[in-house]
Amino acid sequence: MVCRSKSDMGMKTLMILNDAPYGSERTYNGARLAGAFAKEPDAEVHVFLMGDAAAAAHNKQKVPAGSYNLEVMLGSVVKQAGAIGVCGTCMDARGIAAEDLVEGSHRSSMDELTQWTTWAEKVLVF
């Protein structure tokens, strides 16, 4: 049974993901939690991908059958009106162009991460 107060509703949550999309499960677990938050009534979720996690937003990912796909997982956050920002400097370092990003995500910056951090009621870092 889940007990929630009115103060729990409509939570503004920022998830900052840092690890590579595959190999470590940190980004996978952060994306799972972001998807779960995004499904909550009146929840607002922003996900910021930086460092090696920038590759998680690369579109047209091909993974083995039965494996998780971060492109799909991030897409579900976007479908629930979540925002996905990808560090522009991190994209450049990995050769990822804006047109290579998952639909609904965008090239972002430290300035936007700063704005999102002050907006959020909870910041979770993976």
N, C-alpha and C. Protein backbone atom coordinates (compact mmCIF):
# COMPACT_ATOMS: atom_id res chain seq x y z
N MET A 1 0.83 -1.17 0.00
CA MET A 1 0.00 0.00 0.00
C MET A 1 0.88 1.24 0.00
N VAL A 2 0.58 2.18 -0.86
CA VAL A 2 1.34 3.42 -0.95
C VAL A 2 0.60 4.51 -0.20
N CYS A 3 1.27 5.13 0.75
CA CYS A 3 0.68 6.23 1.51
C CYS A 3 1.26 7.54 0.99
N ARG A 4 0.37 8.45 0.58
CA ARG A 4 0.84 9.73 0.07
C ARG A 4 0.01 10.85 0.67
N SER A 5 0.70 11.94 0.95
CA SER A 5 0.00 13.13 1.41
C SER A 5 -0.20 14.05 0.23
N LYS A 6 -0.99 15.09 0.41
CA LYS A 6 -1.20 16.06 -0.66
C LYS A 6 0.11 16.71 -1.07
N SER A 7 1.04 16.84 -0.16
CA SER A 7 2.32 17.46 -0.49
C SER A 7 3.14 16.61 -1.43
N ASP A 8 2.84 15.29 -1.54
CA ASP A 8 3.55 14.41 -2.44
C ASP A 8 3.08 14.55 -3.88
N MET A 9 1.90 15.09 -4.09
CA MET A 9 1.35 15.21 -5.43
C MET A 9 1.98 16.37 -6.18
N GLY A 10 2.15 16.21 -7.46
CA GLY A 10 2.66 17.28 -8.28
C GLY A 10 4.13 17.59 -8.04
N MET A 11 4.90 16.63 -7.63
CA MET A 11 6.31 16.83 -7.33
C MET A 11 7.10 17.20 -8.59
N LYS A 12 7.95 18.22 -8.47
CA LYS A 12 8.85 18.62 -9.54
C LYS A 12 10.18 17.92 -9.30
N THR A 13 10.52 16.98 -10.18
CA THR A 13 11.70 16.14 -9.98
C THR A 13 12.69 16.29 -11.13
N LEU A 14 13.94 16.45 -10.78
CA LEU A 14 15.02 16.48 -11.75
C LEU A 14 15.89 15.25 -11.54
N MET A 15 16.11 14.52 -12.62
CA MET A 15 16.99 13.35 -12.59
C MET A 15 18.23 13.70 -13.41
N ILE A 16 19.40 13.56 -12.83
CA ILE A 16 20.65 13.80 -13.54
C ILE A 16 21.35 12.46 -13.71
N LEU A 17 21.53 12.06 -14.96
CA LEU A 17 22.15 10.77 -15.27
C LEU A 17 23.54 11.01 -15.84
N ASN A 18 24.52 10.23 -15.39
CA ASN A 18 25.92 10.44 -15.75
C ASN A 18 26.59 9.27 -16.47
N ASP A 19 26.16 8.04 -16.22
CA ASP A 19 26.88 6.86 -16.72
C ASP A 19 26.48 6.48 -18.14
N ALA A 20 27.32 5.69 -18.76
CA ALA A 20 27.05 5.17 -20.10
C ALA A 20 25.72 4.42 -20.11
N PRO A 21 25.02 4.45 -21.25
CA PRO A 21 23.70 3.83 -21.30
C PRO A 21 23.72 2.31 -21.12
N TYR A 22 24.80 1.68 -21.50
CA TYR A 22 24.89 0.23 -21.40
C TYR A 22 26.21 -0.14 -20.73
N GLY A 23 26.20 -1.25 -20.00
CA GLY A 23 27.38 -1.67 -19.27
C GLY A 23 27.19 -1.50 -17.77
N SER A 24 26.77 -0.32 -17.37
CA SER A 24 26.39 -0.04 -15.99
C SER A 24 24.87 0.05 -15.97
N GLU A 25 24.27 -0.27 -14.87
CA GLU A 25 22.80 -0.18 -14.79
C GLU A 25 22.34 1.13 -14.15
N ARG A 26 23.26 2.04 -13.84
CA ARG A 26 22.87 3.30 -13.19
C ARG A 26 21.96 4.13 -14.08
N THR A 27 22.31 4.31 -15.34
CA THR A 27 21.48 5.10 -16.24
C THR A 27 20.16 4.38 -16.50
N TYR A 28 20.21 3.08 -16.64
CA TYR A 28 19.00 2.28 -16.81
C TYR A 28 18.06 2.48 -15.62
N ASN A 29 18.58 2.38 -14.42
CA ASN A 29 17.75 2.53 -13.23
C ASN A 29 17.24 3.96 -13.07
N GLY A 30 18.06 4.94 -13.41
CA GLY A 30 17.61 6.33 -13.38
C GLY A 30 16.47 6.57 -14.37
N ALA A 31 16.60 6.00 -15.57
CA ALA A 31 15.54 6.13 -16.58
C ALA A 31 14.27 5.41 -16.15
N ARG A 32 14.42 4.27 -15.50
CA ARG A 32 13.25 3.54 -14.97
C ARG A 32 12.51 4.39 -13.96
N LEU A 33 13.27 4.99 -13.04
CA LEU A 33 12.65 5.82 -12.01
C LEU A 33 12.02 7.07 -12.62
N ALA A 34 12.67 7.67 -13.60
CA ALA A 34 12.10 8.85 -14.27
C ALA A 34 10.78 8.48 -14.93
N GLY A 35 10.72 7.30 -15.56
CA GLY A 35 9.48 6.83 -16.18
C GLY A 35 8.38 6.63 -15.16
N ALA A 36 8.74 6.10 -13.99
CA ALA A 36 7.75 5.88 -12.94
C ALA A 36 7.25 7.21 -12.39
N PHE A 37 8.15 8.15 -12.15
CA PHE A 37 7.74 9.48 -11.69
C PHE A 37 6.82 10.15 -12.71
N ALA A 38 7.17 10.02 -13.98
CA ALA A 38 6.40 10.69 -15.05
C ALA A 38 4.96 10.20 -15.11
N LYS A 39 4.71 8.99 -14.65
CA LYS A 39 3.35 8.43 -14.68
C LYS A 39 2.49 8.90 -13.51
N GLU A 40 3.11 9.49 -12.51
CA GLU A 40 2.37 9.95 -11.34
C GLU A 40 1.48 11.15 -11.71
N PRO A 41 0.29 11.23 -11.10
CA PRO A 41 -0.61 12.36 -11.39
C PRO A 41 0.06 13.70 -11.08
N ASP A 42 -0.02 14.61 -12.00
CA ASP A 42 0.50 15.97 -11.84
C ASP A 42 2.00 16.06 -11.59
N ALA A 43 2.72 14.98 -11.85
CA ALA A 43 4.17 15.02 -11.67
C ALA A 43 4.83 15.75 -12.83
N GLU A 44 5.91 16.43 -12.54
CA GLU A 44 6.72 17.08 -13.57
C GLU A 44 8.12 16.52 -13.44
N VAL A 45 8.63 15.97 -14.54
CA VAL A 45 9.94 15.31 -14.51
C VAL A 45 10.83 15.89 -15.60
N HIS A 46 12.02 16.26 -15.20
CA HIS A 46 13.05 16.67 -16.15
C HIS A 46 14.22 15.70 -15.97
N VAL A 47 14.79 15.27 -17.09
CA VAL A 47 15.96 14.39 -17.07
C VAL A 47 17.09 15.11 -17.80
N PHE A 48 18.24 15.20 -17.14
CA PHE A 48 19.41 15.81 -17.76
C PHE A 48 20.47 14.73 -17.91
N LEU A 49 20.93 14.55 -19.15
CA LEU A 49 21.94 13.53 -19.45
C LEU A 49 23.28 14.23 -19.65
N MET A 50 24.28 13.81 -18.90
CA MET A 50 25.60 14.42 -19.05
C MET A 50 26.66 13.34 -19.00
N GLY A 51 27.87 13.69 -19.41
CA GLY A 51 28.94 12.71 -19.47
C GLY A 51 28.56 11.60 -20.44
N ASP A 52 28.91 10.39 -20.10
CA ASP A 52 28.62 9.25 -20.97
C ASP A 52 27.12 8.99 -21.12
N ALA A 53 26.31 9.50 -20.22
CA ALA A 53 24.85 9.31 -20.33
C ALA A 53 24.28 10.03 -21.53
N ALA A 54 25.02 11.00 -22.11
CA ALA A 54 24.54 11.69 -23.31
C ALA A 54 24.22 10.69 -24.42
N ALA A 55 24.96 9.61 -24.49
CA ALA A 55 24.73 8.59 -25.52
C ALA A 55 23.39 7.87 -25.34
N ALA A 56 22.79 7.96 -24.17
CA ALA A 56 21.49 7.33 -23.94
C ALA A 56 20.40 7.96 -24.78
N ALA A 57 20.60 9.22 -25.19
CA ALA A 57 19.59 9.93 -25.99
C ALA A 57 19.82 9.79 -27.49
N HIS A 58 20.79 8.96 -27.87
CA HIS A 58 21.05 8.76 -29.30
C HIS A 58 19.90 7.94 -29.89
N ASN A 59 19.36 8.42 -31.01
CA ASN A 59 18.23 7.71 -31.62
C ASN A 59 18.71 6.50 -32.43
N LYS A 60 17.77 5.67 -32.82
CA LYS A 60 18.03 4.47 -33.63
C LYS A 60 18.95 3.47 -32.95
N GLN A 61 18.78 3.31 -31.64
CA GLN A 61 19.59 2.34 -30.91
C GLN A 61 19.18 0.93 -31.31
N LYS A 62 20.16 0.06 -31.47
CA LYS A 62 19.91 -1.34 -31.78
C LYS A 62 20.49 -2.17 -30.65
N VAL A 63 19.61 -2.81 -29.91
CA VAL A 63 20.04 -3.62 -28.77
C VAL A 63 19.60 -5.06 -29.01
N PRO A 64 20.26 -6.03 -28.37
CA PRO A 64 19.85 -7.43 -28.53
C PRO A 64 18.42 -7.65 -28.06
N ALA A 65 17.75 -8.60 -28.68
CA ALA A 65 16.38 -8.95 -28.28
C ALA A 65 16.36 -9.28 -26.79
N GLY A 66 15.37 -8.75 -26.11
CA GLY A 66 15.20 -9.00 -24.67
C GLY A 66 15.98 -8.04 -23.79
N SER A 67 16.77 -7.15 -24.39
CA SER A 67 17.53 -6.17 -23.62
C SER A 67 16.74 -4.87 -23.53
N TYR A 68 17.03 -4.08 -22.53
CA TYR A 68 16.37 -2.78 -22.41
C TYR A 68 16.91 -1.83 -23.48
N ASN A 69 16.10 -0.83 -23.81
CA ASN A 69 16.46 0.15 -24.82
C ASN A 69 16.21 1.54 -24.23
N LEU A 70 17.28 2.27 -23.97
CA LEU A 70 17.13 3.58 -23.34
C LEU A 70 16.45 4.59 -24.24
N GLU A 71 16.55 4.45 -25.53
CA GLU A 71 15.82 5.34 -26.45
C GLU A 71 14.32 5.21 -26.18
N VAL A 72 13.84 3.99 -26.04
CA VAL A 72 12.42 3.74 -25.78
C VAL A 72 12.04 4.24 -24.38
N MET A 73 12.91 3.97 -23.41
CA MET A 73 12.62 4.37 -22.03
C MET A 73 12.54 5.89 -21.90
N LEU A 74 13.46 6.61 -22.52
CA LEU A 74 13.40 8.08 -22.48
C LEU A 74 12.21 8.60 -23.25
N GLY A 75 11.86 7.91 -24.34
CA GLY A 75 10.68 8.29 -25.11
C GLY A 75 9.41 8.22 -24.28
N SER A 76 9.35 7.26 -23.36
CA SER A 76 8.15 7.15 -22.52
C SER A 76 8.07 8.32 -21.54
N VAL A 77 9.20 8.84 -21.10
CA VAL A 77 9.20 10.02 -20.23
C VAL A 77 8.66 11.22 -21.01
N VAL A 78 9.13 11.37 -22.25
CA VAL A 78 8.67 12.47 -23.10
C VAL A 78 7.16 12.36 -23.36
N LYS A 79 6.67 11.15 -23.58
CA LYS A 79 5.23 10.95 -23.83
C LYS A 79 4.38 11.34 -22.64
N GLN A 80 4.96 11.34 -21.46
CA GLN A 80 4.25 11.74 -20.25
C GLN A 80 4.52 13.22 -19.93
N ALA A 81 4.95 13.96 -20.94
CA ALA A 81 5.22 15.41 -20.83
C ALA A 81 6.48 15.72 -20.02
N GLY A 82 7.40 14.76 -19.91
CA GLY A 82 8.68 15.03 -19.27
C GLY A 82 9.61 15.74 -20.23
N ALA A 83 10.64 16.36 -19.69
CA ALA A 83 11.63 17.06 -20.50
C ALA A 83 12.96 16.32 -20.42
N ILE A 84 13.63 16.19 -21.57
CA ILE A 84 14.94 15.54 -21.62
C ILE A 84 15.94 16.53 -22.20
N GLY A 85 16.93 16.90 -21.42
CA GLY A 85 18.01 17.76 -21.88
C GLY A 85 19.30 16.97 -21.94
N VAL A 86 20.11 17.23 -22.96
CA VAL A 86 21.38 16.53 -23.13
C VAL A 86 22.49 17.58 -23.16
N CYS A 87 23.47 17.41 -22.33
CA CYS A 87 24.59 18.35 -22.23
C CYS A 87 25.24 18.53 -23.60
N GLY A 88 25.25 19.76 -24.10
CA GLY A 88 25.82 20.05 -25.40
C GLY A 88 27.31 19.78 -25.48
N THR A 89 28.05 20.14 -24.45
CA THR A 89 29.49 19.88 -24.43
C THR A 89 29.76 18.38 -24.47
N CYS A 90 28.95 17.62 -23.75
CA CYS A 90 29.09 16.16 -23.72
C CYS A 90 28.73 15.55 -25.08
N MET A 91 27.72 16.13 -25.74
CA MET A 91 27.36 15.68 -27.09
C MET A 91 28.53 15.90 -28.04
N ASP A 92 29.11 17.09 -28.00
CA ASP A 92 30.23 17.41 -28.88
C ASP A 92 31.40 16.45 -28.67
N ALA A 93 31.70 16.16 -27.42
CA ALA A 93 32.82 15.27 -27.11
C ALA A 93 32.61 13.86 -27.63
N ARG A 94 31.34 13.49 -27.84
CA ARG A 94 31.01 12.13 -28.30
C ARG A 94 30.53 12.10 -29.75
N GLY A 95 30.59 13.23 -30.42
CA GLY A 95 30.20 13.28 -31.82
C GLY A 95 28.71 13.09 -32.05
N ILE A 96 27.89 13.53 -31.11
CA ILE A 96 26.44 13.39 -31.23
C ILE A 96 25.87 14.73 -31.68
N ALA A 97 25.19 14.72 -32.82
CA ALA A 97 24.56 15.93 -33.35
C ALA A 97 23.14 16.04 -32.83
N ALA A 98 22.57 17.24 -32.86
CA ALA A 98 21.20 17.47 -32.39
C ALA A 98 20.21 16.57 -33.12
N GLU A 99 20.42 16.34 -34.42
CA GLU A 99 19.50 15.48 -35.18
C GLU A 99 19.64 14.00 -34.83
N ASP A 100 20.66 13.65 -34.05
CA ASP A 100 20.85 12.26 -33.60
C ASP A 100 20.11 11.96 -32.31
N LEU A 101 19.44 12.96 -31.74
CA LEU A 101 18.80 12.78 -30.43
C LEU A 101 17.41 12.14 -30.54
N VAL A 102 17.04 11.45 -29.50
CA VAL A 102 15.71 10.87 -29.35
C VAL A 102 14.67 11.97 -29.51
N GLU A 103 13.59 11.66 -30.19
CA GLU A 103 12.52 12.64 -30.38
C GLU A 103 12.03 13.15 -29.02
N GLY A 104 11.91 14.46 -28.93
CA GLY A 104 11.44 15.07 -27.69
C GLY A 104 12.55 15.51 -26.76
N SER A 105 13.79 15.10 -27.04
CA SER A 105 14.92 15.56 -26.24
C SER A 105 15.58 16.72 -26.98
N HIS A 106 16.46 17.43 -26.28
CA HIS A 106 17.10 18.58 -26.93
C HIS A 106 18.51 18.80 -26.38
N ARG A 107 19.31 19.47 -27.22
CA ARG A 107 20.64 19.89 -26.79
C ARG A 107 20.46 20.92 -25.68
N SER A 108 21.18 20.73 -24.60
CA SER A 108 21.00 21.60 -23.44
C SER A 108 22.34 22.17 -23.01
N SER A 109 22.34 22.78 -21.84
CA SER A 109 23.54 23.47 -21.35
C SER A 109 23.57 23.46 -19.82
N MET A 110 24.70 23.90 -19.28
CA MET A 110 24.80 24.03 -17.83
C MET A 110 23.88 25.13 -17.33
N ASP A 111 23.64 26.13 -18.14
CA ASP A 111 22.69 27.18 -17.74
C ASP A 111 21.30 26.60 -17.55
N GLU A 112 20.86 25.75 -18.48
CA GLU A 112 19.54 25.13 -18.33
C GLU A 112 19.53 24.17 -17.14
N LEU A 113 20.61 23.41 -16.95
CA LEU A 113 20.68 22.53 -15.78
C LEU A 113 20.57 23.34 -14.49
N THR A 114 21.18 24.50 -14.46
CA THR A 114 21.08 25.38 -13.29
C THR A 114 19.62 25.81 -13.07
N GLN A 115 18.95 26.21 -14.14
CA GLN A 115 17.54 26.60 -14.03
C GLN A 115 16.69 25.43 -13.56
N TRP A 116 16.91 24.26 -14.13
CA TRP A 116 16.13 23.08 -13.74
C TRP A 116 16.37 22.71 -12.28
N THR A 117 17.61 22.88 -11.82
CA THR A 117 17.95 22.54 -10.44
C THR A 117 17.23 23.47 -9.47
N THR A 118 17.16 24.75 -9.77
CA THR A 118 16.44 25.67 -8.88
C THR A 118 14.93 25.47 -8.97
N TRP A 119 14.43 24.98 -10.11
CA TRP A 119 13.00 24.69 -10.30
C TRP A 119 12.57 23.47 -9.49
N ALA A 120 13.43 22.46 -9.42
CA ALA A 120 13.08 21.16 -8.85
C ALA A 120 12.92 21.18 -7.35
N GLU A 121 11.96 20.36 -6.90
CA GLU A 121 11.79 20.13 -5.45
C GLU A 121 12.65 18.97 -4.99
N LYS A 122 12.96 18.07 -5.94
CA LYS A 122 13.84 16.93 -5.66
C LYS A 122 14.80 16.81 -6.82
N VAL A 123 16.09 16.59 -6.49
CA VAL A 123 17.11 16.32 -7.50
C VAL A 123 17.74 14.98 -7.16
N LEU A 124 17.68 14.06 -8.10
CA LEU A 124 18.25 12.73 -7.92
C LEU A 124 19.37 12.54 -8.93
N VAL A 125 20.53 12.09 -8.48
CA VAL A 125 21.68 11.93 -9.36
C VAL A 125 22.07 10.47 -9.44
N PHE A 126 22.19 9.99 -10.66
CA PHE A 126 22.62 8.60 -10.91
C PHE A 126 23.91 8.63 -11.68
